């Protein structure tokens, strides 16, 4: 039971990480291509609920530098959350 739950959590975090980076890459190329833009919009429905708060929190830094580092910060936060959740599952289950 414990290993099945840990595997499911691991799969979710891995899929979210892939979706995040595909979303970032498609943001560069999807505007001119209707097919890519549809994929970009669908990934946005999955990624943006977590990416938007990070982007708002980093707004002052983004305006000063001119680059959006929120996907990198979100990936690091998700990695931290993954390690905390998996360790908690090992301890409490």
PDB file of N, CA and C in Angstrom:
ATOM      1  N   UNK A   1       0.826  -1.197   0.000  1.00  0.00           N
ATOM      2  CA  UNK A   1       0.000   0.000   0.000  1.00  0.00           C
ATOM      3  C   UNK A   1       0.875   1.268   0.000  1.00  0.00           C
ATOM      4  N   UNK A   2       1.897   1.249   0.873  1.00  0.00           N
ATOM      5  CA  UNK A   2       2.757   2.416   0.985  1.00  0.00           C
ATOM      6  C   UNK A   2       3.502   2.674  -0.323  1.00  0.00           C
ATOM      7  N   UNK A   3       3.997   1.618  -0.928  1.00  0.00           N
ATOM      8  CA  UNK A   3       4.784   1.793  -2.152  1.00  0.00           C
ATOM      9  C   UNK A   3       3.911   2.212  -3.325  1.00  0.00           C
ATOM     10  N   UNK A   4       2.665   1.765  -3.340  1.00  0.00           N
ATOM     11  CA  UNK A   4       1.737   2.184  -4.386  1.00  0.00           C
ATOM     12  C   UNK A   4       1.435   3.675  -4.265  1.00  0.00           C
ATOM     13  N   UNK A   5       1.245   4.151  -3.059  1.00  0.00           N
ATOM     14  CA  UNK A   5       0.982   5.572  -2.824  1.00  0.00           C
ATOM     15  C   UNK A   5       2.211   6.422  -3.164  1.00  0.00           C
ATOM     16  N   UNK A   6       3.375   5.964  -2.789  1.00  0.00           N
ATOM     17  CA  UNK A   6       4.609   6.691  -3.101  1.00  0.00           C
ATOM     18  C   UNK A   6       4.836   6.723  -4.607  1.00  0.00           C
ATOM     19  N   UNK A   7       4.538   5.629  -5.290  1.00  0.00           N
ATOM     20  CA  UNK A   7       4.670   5.597  -6.742  1.00  0.00           C
ATOM     21  C   UNK A   7       3.701   6.565  -7.403  1.00  0.00           C
ATOM     22  N   UNK A   8       2.476   6.636  -6.908  1.00  0.00           N
ATOM     23  CA  UNK A   8       1.489   7.559  -7.465  1.00  0.00           C
ATOM     24  C   UNK A   8       1.916   9.020  -7.252  1.00  0.00           C
ATOM     25  N   UNK A   9       2.413   9.320  -6.069  1.00  0.00           N
ATOM     26  CA  UNK A   9       2.888  10.685  -5.788  1.00  0.00           C
ATOM     27  C   UNK A   9       4.079  11.021  -6.684  1.00  0.00           C
ATOM     28  N   UNK A  10       4.980  10.073  -6.829  1.00  0.00           N
ATOM     29  CA  UNK A  10       6.144  10.285  -7.684  1.00  0.00           C
ATOM     30  C   UNK A  10       5.731  10.515  -9.131  1.00  0.00           C
ATOM     31  N   UNK A  11       4.786   9.746  -9.618  1.00  0.00           N
ATOM     32  CA  UNK A  11       4.300   9.907 -10.986  1.00  0.00           C
ATOM     33  C   UNK A  11       3.646  11.268 -11.182  1.00  0.00           C
ATOM     34  N   UNK A  12       2.844  11.706 -10.209  1.00  0.00           N
ATOM     35  CA  UNK A  12       2.203  13.012 -10.318  1.00  0.00           C
ATOM     36  C   UNK A  12       3.239  14.130 -10.401  1.00  0.00           C
ATOM     37  N   UNK A  13       4.216  14.101  -9.523  1.00  0.00           N
ATOM     38  CA  UNK A  13       5.226  15.164  -9.520  1.00  0.00           C
ATOM     39  C   UNK A  13       6.074  15.141 -10.791  1.00  0.00           C
ATOM     40  N   UNK A  14       6.381  13.949 -11.275  1.00  0.00           N
ATOM     41  CA  UNK A  14       7.156  13.839 -12.506  1.00  0.00           C
ATOM     42  C   UNK A  14       6.365  14.383 -13.699  1.00  0.00           C
ATOM     43  N   UNK A  15       5.083  14.013 -13.803  1.00  0.00           N
ATOM     44  CA  UNK A  15       4.244  14.507 -14.894  1.00  0.00           C
ATOM     45  C   UNK A  15       4.061  16.020 -14.812  1.00  0.00           C
ATOM     46  N   UNK A  16       3.899  16.534 -13.595  1.00  0.00           N
ATOM     47  CA  UNK A  16       3.762  17.980 -13.450  1.00  0.00           C
ATOM     48  C   UNK A  16       5.038  18.696 -13.883  1.00  0.00           C
ATOM     49  N   UNK A  17       6.185  18.143 -13.540  1.00  0.00           N
ATOM     50  CA  UNK A  17       7.456  18.739 -13.929  1.00  0.00           C
ATOM     51  C   UNK A  17       7.607  18.755 -15.446  1.00  0.00           C
ATOM     52  N   UNK A  18       7.279  17.639 -16.100  1.00  0.00           N
ATOM     53  CA  UNK A  18       7.328  17.598 -17.561  1.00  0.00           C
ATOM     54  C   UNK A  18       6.363  18.620 -18.161  1.00  0.00           C
ATOM     55  N   UNK A  19       5.148  18.681 -17.630  1.00  0.00           N
ATOM     56  CA  UNK A  19       4.151  19.622 -18.147  1.00  0.00           C
ATOM     57  C   UNK A  19       4.621  21.059 -17.982  1.00  0.00           C
ATOM     58  N   UNK A  20       5.244  21.360 -16.865  1.00  0.00           N
ATOM     59  CA  UNK A  20       5.743  22.709 -16.624  1.00  0.00           C
ATOM     60  C   UNK A  20       6.782  23.107 -17.666  1.00  0.00           C
ATOM     61  N   UNK A  21       7.766  22.252 -17.925  1.00  0.00           N
ATOM     62  CA  UNK A  21       8.832  22.610 -18.856  1.00  0.00           C
ATOM     63  C   UNK A  21       8.358  22.602 -20.304  1.00  0.00           C
ATOM     64  N   UNK A  22       7.430  21.721 -20.644  1.00  0.00           N
ATOM     65  CA  UNK A  22       6.851  21.763 -21.993  1.00  0.00           C
ATOM     66  C   UNK A  22       6.047  23.043 -22.169  1.00  0.00           C
ATOM     67  N   UNK A  23       5.329  23.450 -21.131  1.00  0.00           N
ATOM     68  CA  UNK A  23       4.563  24.699 -21.165  1.00  0.00           C
ATOM     69  C   UNK A  23       5.490  25.902 -21.377  1.00  0.00           C
ATOM     70  N   UNK A  24       6.613  25.907 -20.685  1.00  0.00           N
ATOM     71  CA  UNK A  24       7.577  27.009 -20.832  1.00  0.00           C
ATOM     72  C   UNK A  24       8.145  27.041 -22.250  1.00  0.00           C
ATOM     73  N   UNK A  25       8.528  25.901 -22.765  1.00  0.00           N
ATOM     74  CA  UNK A  25       9.090  25.864 -24.123  1.00  0.00           C
ATOM     75  C   UNK A  25       8.048  26.246 -25.165  1.00  0.00           C
ATOM     76  N   UNK A  26       6.831  25.760 -25.003  1.00  0.00           N
ATOM     77  CA  UNK A  26       5.772  26.111 -25.958  1.00  0.00           C
ATOM     78  C   UNK A  26       5.414  27.595 -25.900  1.00  0.00           C
ATOM     79  N   UNK A  27       5.661  28.235 -24.782  1.00  0.00           N
ATOM     80  CA  UNK A  27       5.354  29.668 -24.697  1.00  0.00           C
ATOM     81  C   UNK A  27       6.213  30.480 -25.657  1.00  0.00           C
ATOM     82  N   UNK A  28       7.349  29.938 -26.057  1.00  0.00           N
ATOM     83  CA  UNK A  28       8.214  30.629 -27.017  1.00  0.00           C
ATOM     84  C   UNK A  28       7.747  30.442 -28.452  1.00  0.00           C
ATOM     85  N   UNK A  29       7.133  29.295 -28.755  1.00  0.00           N
ATOM     86  CA  UNK A  29       6.858  28.942 -30.145  1.00  0.00           C
ATOM     87  C   UNK A  29       5.384  28.826 -30.506  1.00  0.00           C
ATOM     88  N   UNK A  30       4.479  28.805 -29.556  1.00  0.00           N
ATOM     89  CA  UNK A  30       3.093  28.421 -29.820  1.00  0.00           C
ATOM     90  C   UNK A  30       2.237  29.517 -30.438  1.00  0.00           C
ATOM     91  N   UNK A  31       2.643  30.750 -30.404  1.00  0.00           N
ATOM     92  CA  UNK A  31       1.785  31.839 -30.858  1.00  0.00           C
ATOM     93  C   UNK A  31       1.433  31.758 -32.346  1.00  0.00           C
ATOM     94  N   UNK A  32       2.352  31.326 -33.186  1.00  0.00           N
ATOM     95  CA  UNK A  32       2.113  31.306 -34.619  1.00  0.00           C
ATOM     96  C   UNK A  32       1.490  30.022 -35.126  1.00  0.00           C
ATOM     97  N   UNK A  33       1.477  28.984 -34.328  1.00  0.00           N
ATOM     98  CA  UNK A  33       1.013  27.681 -34.760  1.00  0.00           C
ATOM     99  C   UNK A  33      -0.248  27.310 -33.984  1.00  0.00           C
ATOM    100  N   UNK A  34      -1.363  27.109 -34.681  1.00  0.00           N
ATOM    101  CA  UNK A  34      -2.639  26.844 -34.014  1.00  0.00           C
ATOM    102  C   UNK A  34      -2.624  25.522 -33.251  1.00  0.00           C
ATOM    103  N   UNK A  35      -1.986  24.494 -33.805  1.00  0.00           N
ATOM    104  CA  UNK A  35      -1.932  23.203 -33.126  1.00  0.00           C
ATOM    105  C   UNK A  35      -1.132  23.270 -31.839  1.00  0.00           C
ATOM    106  N   UNK A  36       0.027  23.905 -31.895  1.00  0.00           N
ATOM    107  CA  UNK A  36       0.840  24.060 -30.689  1.00  0.00           C
ATOM    108  C   UNK A  36       0.157  24.962 -29.670  1.00  0.00           C
ATOM    109  N   UNK A  37      -0.562  25.962 -30.166  1.00  0.00           N
ATOM    110  CA  UNK A  37      -1.244  26.881 -29.255  1.00  0.00           C
ATOM    111  C   UNK A  37      -2.332  26.167 -28.460  1.00  0.00           C
ATOM    112  N   UNK A  38      -3.025  25.214 -29.083  1.00  0.00           N
ATOM    113  CA  UNK A  38      -4.046  24.450 -28.359  1.00  0.00           C
ATOM    114  C   UNK A  38      -3.419  23.604 -27.258  1.00  0.00           C
ATOM    115  N   UNK A  39      -2.286  22.978 -27.554  1.00  0.00           N
ATOM    116  CA  UNK A  39      -1.571  22.201 -26.535  1.00  0.00           C
ATOM    117  C   UNK A  39      -1.094  23.125 -25.419  1.00  0.00           C
ATOM    118  N   UNK A  40      -0.580  24.289 -25.803  1.00  0.00           N
ATOM    119  CA  UNK A  40      -0.113  25.274 -24.833  1.00  0.00           C
ATOM    120  C   UNK A  40      -1.250  25.695 -23.893  1.00  0.00           C
ATOM    121  N   UNK A  41      -2.430  25.930 -24.443  1.00  0.00           N
ATOM    122  CA  UNK A  41      -3.577  26.335 -23.617  1.00  0.00           C
ATOM    123  C   UNK A  41      -4.012  25.227 -22.668  1.00  0.00           C
ATOM    124  N   UNK A  42      -4.022  23.983 -23.148  1.00  0.00           N
ATOM    125  CA  UNK A  42      -4.398  22.858 -22.285  1.00  0.00           C
ATOM    126  C   UNK A  42      -3.381  22.657 -21.153  1.00  0.00           C
ATOM    127  N   UNK A  43      -2.112  22.771 -21.462  1.00  0.00           N
ATOM    128  CA  UNK A  43      -1.099  22.671 -20.407  1.00  0.00           C
ATOM    129  C   UNK A  43      -1.220  23.830 -19.428  1.00  0.00           C
ATOM    130  N   UNK A  44      -1.599  25.002 -19.937  1.00  0.00           N
ATOM    131  CA  UNK A  44      -1.782  26.161 -19.075  1.00  0.00           C
ATOM    132  C   UNK A  44      -2.871  25.948 -18.042  1.00  0.00           C
ATOM    133  N   UNK A  45      -3.923  25.220 -18.412  1.00  0.00           N
ATOM    134  CA  UNK A  45      -4.985  24.922 -17.453  1.00  0.00           C
ATOM    135  C   UNK A  45      -4.470  24.060 -16.300  1.00  0.00           C
ATOM    136  N   UNK A  46      -3.472  23.252 -16.566  1.00  0.00           N
ATOM    137  CA  UNK A  46      -2.895  22.363 -15.560  1.00  0.00           C
ATOM    138  C   UNK A  46      -1.794  23.046 -14.744  1.00  0.00           C
ATOM    139  N   UNK A  47      -0.994  23.896 -15.393  1.00  0.00           N
ATOM    140  CA  UNK A  47       0.205  24.464 -14.774  1.00  0.00           C
ATOM    141  C   UNK A  47      -0.061  25.827 -14.126  1.00  0.00           C
ATOM    142  N   UNK A  48      -0.847  26.655 -14.746  1.00  0.00           N
ATOM    143  CA  UNK A  48      -1.034  28.038 -14.279  1.00  0.00           C
ATOM    144  C   UNK A  48      -1.586  28.184 -12.866  1.00  0.00           C
ATOM    145  N   UNK A  49      -2.461  27.300 -12.370  1.00  0.00           N
ATOM    146  CA  UNK A  49      -2.911  27.483 -10.972  1.00  0.00           C
ATOM    147  C   UNK A  49      -1.779  27.490  -9.950  1.00  0.00           C
ATOM    148  N   UNK A  50      -0.695  26.795 -10.214  1.00  0.00           N
ATOM    149  CA  UNK A  50       0.449  26.837  -9.304  1.00  0.00           C
ATOM    150  C   UNK A  50       1.499  27.854  -9.731  1.00  0.00           C
ATOM    151  N   UNK A  51       1.568  28.132 -11.016  1.00  0.00           N
ATOM    152  CA  UNK A  51       2.580  29.060 -11.517  1.00  0.00           C
ATOM    153  C   UNK A  51       2.197  30.521 -11.258  1.00  0.00           C
ATOM    154  N   UNK A  52       0.930  30.844 -11.314  1.00  0.00           N
ATOM    155  CA  UNK A  52       0.488  32.237 -11.129  1.00  0.00           C
ATOM    156  C   UNK A  52       0.851  32.823  -9.763  1.00  0.00           C
ATOM    157  N   UNK A  53       0.619  32.114  -8.649  1.00  0.00           N
ATOM    158  CA  UNK A  53       1.016  32.696  -7.358  1.00  0.00           C
ATOM    159  C   UNK A  53       2.524  32.923  -7.239  1.00  0.00           C
ATOM    160  N   UNK A  54       3.311  32.018  -7.806  1.00  0.00           N
ATOM    161  CA  UNK A  54       4.766  32.193  -7.781  1.00  0.00           C
ATOM    162  C   UNK A  54       5.146  33.405  -8.624  1.00  0.00           C
ATOM    163  N   UNK A  55       4.495  33.537  -9.766  1.00  0.00           N
ATOM    164  CA  UNK A  55       4.777  34.674 -10.649  1.00  0.00           C
ATOM    165  C   UNK A  55       4.419  35.996  -9.964  1.00  0.00           C
ATOM    166  N   UNK A  56       3.276  36.025  -9.247  1.00  0.00           N
ATOM    167  CA  UNK A  56       2.889  37.248  -8.526  1.00  0.00           C
ATOM    168  C   UNK A  56       3.864  37.561  -7.400  1.00  0.00           C
ATOM    169  N   UNK A  57       4.345  36.538  -6.700  1.00  0.00           N
ATOM    170  CA  UNK A  57       5.284  36.757  -5.601  1.00  0.00           C
ATOM    171  C   UNK A  57       6.624  37.269  -6.106  1.00  0.00           C
ATOM    172  N   UNK A  58       6.986  36.885  -7.318  1.00  0.00           N
ATOM    173  CA  UNK A  58       8.274  37.293  -7.875  1.00  0.00           C
ATOM    174  C   UNK A  58       8.177  38.543  -8.740  1.00  0.00           C
ATOM    175  N   UNK A  59       7.022  39.174  -8.792  1.00  0.00           N
ATOM    176  CA  UNK A  59       6.815  40.338  -9.657  1.00  0.00           C
ATOM    177  C   UNK A  59       7.850  41.442  -9.472  1.00  0.00           C
ATOM    178  N   UNK A  60       8.185  41.838  -8.241  1.00  0.00           N
ATOM    179  CA  UNK A  60       9.186  42.905  -8.103  1.00  0.00           C
ATOM    180  C   UNK A  60      10.544  42.533  -8.708  1.00  0.00           C
ATOM    181  N   UNK A  61      10.951  41.293  -8.541  1.00  0.00           N
ATOM    182  CA  UNK A  61      12.227  40.855  -9.102  1.00  0.00           C
ATOM    183  C   UNK A  61      12.140  40.791 -10.622  1.00  0.00           C
ATOM    184  N   UNK A  62      11.024  40.318 -11.126  1.00  0.00           N
ATOM    185  CA  UNK A  62      10.850  40.190 -12.574  1.00  0.00           C
ATOM    186  C   UNK A  62      10.915  41.547 -13.256  1.00  0.00           C
ATOM    187  N   UNK A  63      10.317  42.563 -12.659  1.00  0.00           N
ATOM    188  CA  UNK A  63      10.350  43.893 -13.275  1.00  0.00           C
ATOM    189  C   UNK A  63      11.754  44.490 -13.268  1.00  0.00           C
ATOM    190  N   UNK A  64      12.525  44.229 -12.221  1.00  0.00           N
ATOM    191  CA  UNK A  64      13.882  44.779 -12.158  1.00  0.00           C
ATOM    192  C   UNK A  64      14.820  44.082 -13.138  1.00  0.00           C
ATOM    193  N   UNK A  65      14.728  42.756 -13.224  1.00  0.00           N
ATOM    194  CA  UNK A  65      15.638  41.993 -14.065  1.00  0.00           C
ATOM    195  C   UNK A  65      15.138  41.911 -15.502  1.00  0.00           C
ATOM    196  N   UNK A  66      13.843  41.770 -15.672  1.00  0.00           N
ATOM    197  CA  UNK A  66      13.279  41.622 -17.002  1.00  0.00           C
ATOM    198  C   UNK A  66      13.149  40.177 -17.447  1.00  0.00           C
ATOM    199  N   UNK A  67      13.449  39.233 -16.562  1.00  0.00           N
ATOM    200  CA  UNK A  67      13.313  37.812 -16.869  1.00  0.00           C
ATOM    201  C   UNK A  67      12.387  37.155 -15.857  1.00  0.00           C
ATOM    202  N   UNK A  68      11.610  36.182 -16.335  1.00  0.00           N
ATOM    203  CA  UNK A  68      10.673  35.483 -15.467  1.00  0.00           C
ATOM    204  C   UNK A  68      11.296  34.164 -15.015  1.00  0.00           C
ATOM    205  N   UNK A  69      11.699  34.113 -13.767  1.00  0.00           N
ATOM    206  CA  UNK A  69      12.290  32.910 -13.198  1.00  0.00           C
ATOM    207  C   UNK A  69      11.264  32.068 -12.433  1.00  0.00           C
ATOM    208  N   UNK A  70       9.987  32.394 -12.536  1.00  0.00           N
ATOM    209  CA  UNK A  70       8.977  31.684 -11.764  1.00  0.00           C
ATOM    210  C   UNK A  70       8.892  30.193 -12.088  1.00  0.00           C
ATOM    211  N   UNK A  71       9.078  29.728 -13.335  1.00  0.00           N
ATOM    212  CA  UNK A  71       9.068  28.273 -13.548  1.00  0.00           C
ATOM    213  C   UNK A  71      10.205  27.556 -12.810  1.00  0.00           C
ATOM    214  N   UNK A  72      11.364  28.179 -12.721  1.00  0.00           N
ATOM    215  CA  UNK A  72      12.483  27.569 -12.013  1.00  0.00           C
ATOM    216  C   UNK A  72      12.179  27.502 -10.512  1.00  0.00           C
ATOM    217  N   UNK A  73      11.629  28.590  -9.985  1.00  0.00           N
ATOM    218  CA  UNK A  73      11.278  28.623  -8.561  1.00  0.00           C
ATOM    219  C   UNK A  73      10.192  27.594  -8.262  1.00  0.00           C
ATOM    220  N   UNK A  74       9.189  27.493  -9.142  1.00  0.00           N
ATOM    221  CA  UNK A  74       8.129  26.505  -8.937  1.00  0.00           C
ATOM    222  C   UNK A  74       8.694  25.092  -9.004  1.00  0.00           C
ATOM    223  N   UNK A  75       9.600  24.821  -9.914  1.00  0.00           N
ATOM    224  CA  UNK A  75      10.204  23.490  -9.994  1.00  0.00           C
ATOM    225  C   UNK A  75      10.961  23.162  -8.706  1.00  0.00           C
ATOM    226  N   UNK A  76      11.669  24.137  -8.154  1.00  0.00           N
ATOM    227  CA  UNK A  76      12.383  23.905  -6.893  1.00  0.00           C
ATOM    228  C   UNK A  76      11.405  23.689  -5.739  1.00  0.00           C
ATOM    229  N   UNK A  77      10.317  24.473  -5.699  1.00  0.00           N
ATOM    230  CA  UNK A  77       9.309  24.293  -4.651  1.00  0.00           C
ATOM    231  C   UNK A  77       8.626  22.933  -4.764  1.00  0.00           C
ATOM    232  N   UNK A  78       8.350  22.506  -5.985  1.00  0.00           N
ATOM    233  CA  UNK A  78       7.725  21.202  -6.185  1.00  0.00           C
ATOM    234  C   UNK A  78       8.682  20.074  -5.795  1.00  0.00           C
ATOM    235  N   UNK A  79       9.958  20.243  -6.056  1.00  0.00           N
ATOM    236  CA  UNK A  79      10.943  19.245  -5.656  1.00  0.00           C
ATOM    237  C   UNK A  79      11.021  19.134  -4.134  1.00  0.00           C
ATOM    238  N   UNK A  80      10.989  20.284  -3.475  1.00  0.00           N
ATOM    239  CA  UNK A  80      10.991  20.289  -2.011  1.00  0.00           C
ATOM    240  C   UNK A  80       9.724  19.629  -1.467  1.00  0.00           C
ATOM    241  N   UNK A  81       8.568  19.980  -2.046  1.00  0.00           N
ATOM    242  CA  UNK A  81       7.305  19.391  -1.607  1.00  0.00           C
ATOM    243  C   UNK A  81       7.298  17.880  -1.827  1.00  0.00           C
ATOM    244  N   UNK A  82       7.847  17.439  -2.948  1.00  0.00           N
ATOM    245  CA  UNK A  82       7.932  16.005  -3.224  1.00  0.00           C
ATOM    246  C   UNK A  82       8.755  15.284  -2.159  1.00  0.00           C
ATOM    247  N   UNK A  83       9.905  15.834  -1.825  1.00  0.00           N
ATOM    248  CA  UNK A  83      10.751  15.164  -0.836  1.00  0.00           C
ATOM    249  C   UNK A  83      10.084  15.138   0.540  1.00  0.00           C
ATOM    250  N   UNK A  84       9.402  16.208   0.908  1.00  0.00           N
ATOM    251  CA  UNK A  84       8.708  16.233   2.201  1.00  0.00           C
ATOM    252  C   UNK A  84       7.572  15.217   2.221  1.00  0.00           C
ATOM    253  N   UNK A  85       6.801  15.158   1.154  1.00  0.00           N
ATOM    254  CA  UNK A  85       5.664  14.233   1.105  1.00  0.00           C
ATOM    255  C   UNK A  85       6.136  12.785   1.120  1.00  0.00           C
ATOM    256  N   UNK A  86       7.142  12.458   0.332  1.00  0.00           N
ATOM    257  CA  UNK A  86       7.630  11.072   0.279  1.00  0.00           C
ATOM    258  C   UNK A  86       8.249  10.664   1.608  1.00  0.00           C
ATOM    259  N   UNK A  87       9.014  11.537   2.214  1.00  0.00           N
ATOM    260  CA  UNK A  87       9.585  11.197   3.526  1.00  0.00           C
ATOM    261  C   UNK A  87       8.492  11.022   4.572  1.00  0.00           C
ATOM    262  N   UNK A  88       7.466  11.861   4.514  1.00  0.00           N
ATOM    263  CA  UNK A  88       6.350  11.730   5.447  1.00  0.00           C
ATOM    264  C   UNK A  88       5.623  10.406   5.249  1.00  0.00           C
ATOM    265  N   UNK A  89       5.436  10.002   3.993  1.00  0.00           N
ATOM    266  CA  UNK A  89       4.785   8.718   3.727  1.00  0.00           C
ATOM    267  C   UNK A  89       5.615   7.564   4.241  1.00  0.00           C
ATOM    268  N   UNK A  90       6.927   7.633   4.099  1.00  0.00           N
ATOM    269  CA  UNK A  90       7.791   6.561   4.625  1.00  0.00           C
ATOM    270  C   UNK A  90       7.710   6.487   6.148  1.00  0.00           C
ATOM    271  N   UNK A  91       7.635   7.646   6.791  1.00  0.00           N
ATOM    272  CA  UNK A  91       7.620   7.658   8.253  1.00  0.00           C
ATOM    273  C   UNK A  91       6.274   7.239   8.818  1.00  0.00           C
ATOM    274  N   UNK A  92       5.183   7.787   8.265  1.00  0.00           N
ATOM    275  CA  UNK A  92       3.871   7.612   8.894  1.00  0.00           C
ATOM    276  C   UNK A  92       3.074   6.432   8.371  1.00  0.00           C
ATOM    277  N   UNK A  93       3.491   5.808   7.289  1.00  0.00           N
ATOM    278  CA  UNK A  93       2.741   4.638   6.804  1.00  0.00           C
ATOM    279  C   UNK A  93       3.456   3.345   7.076  1.00  0.00           C
TER     280      UNK A  93
END
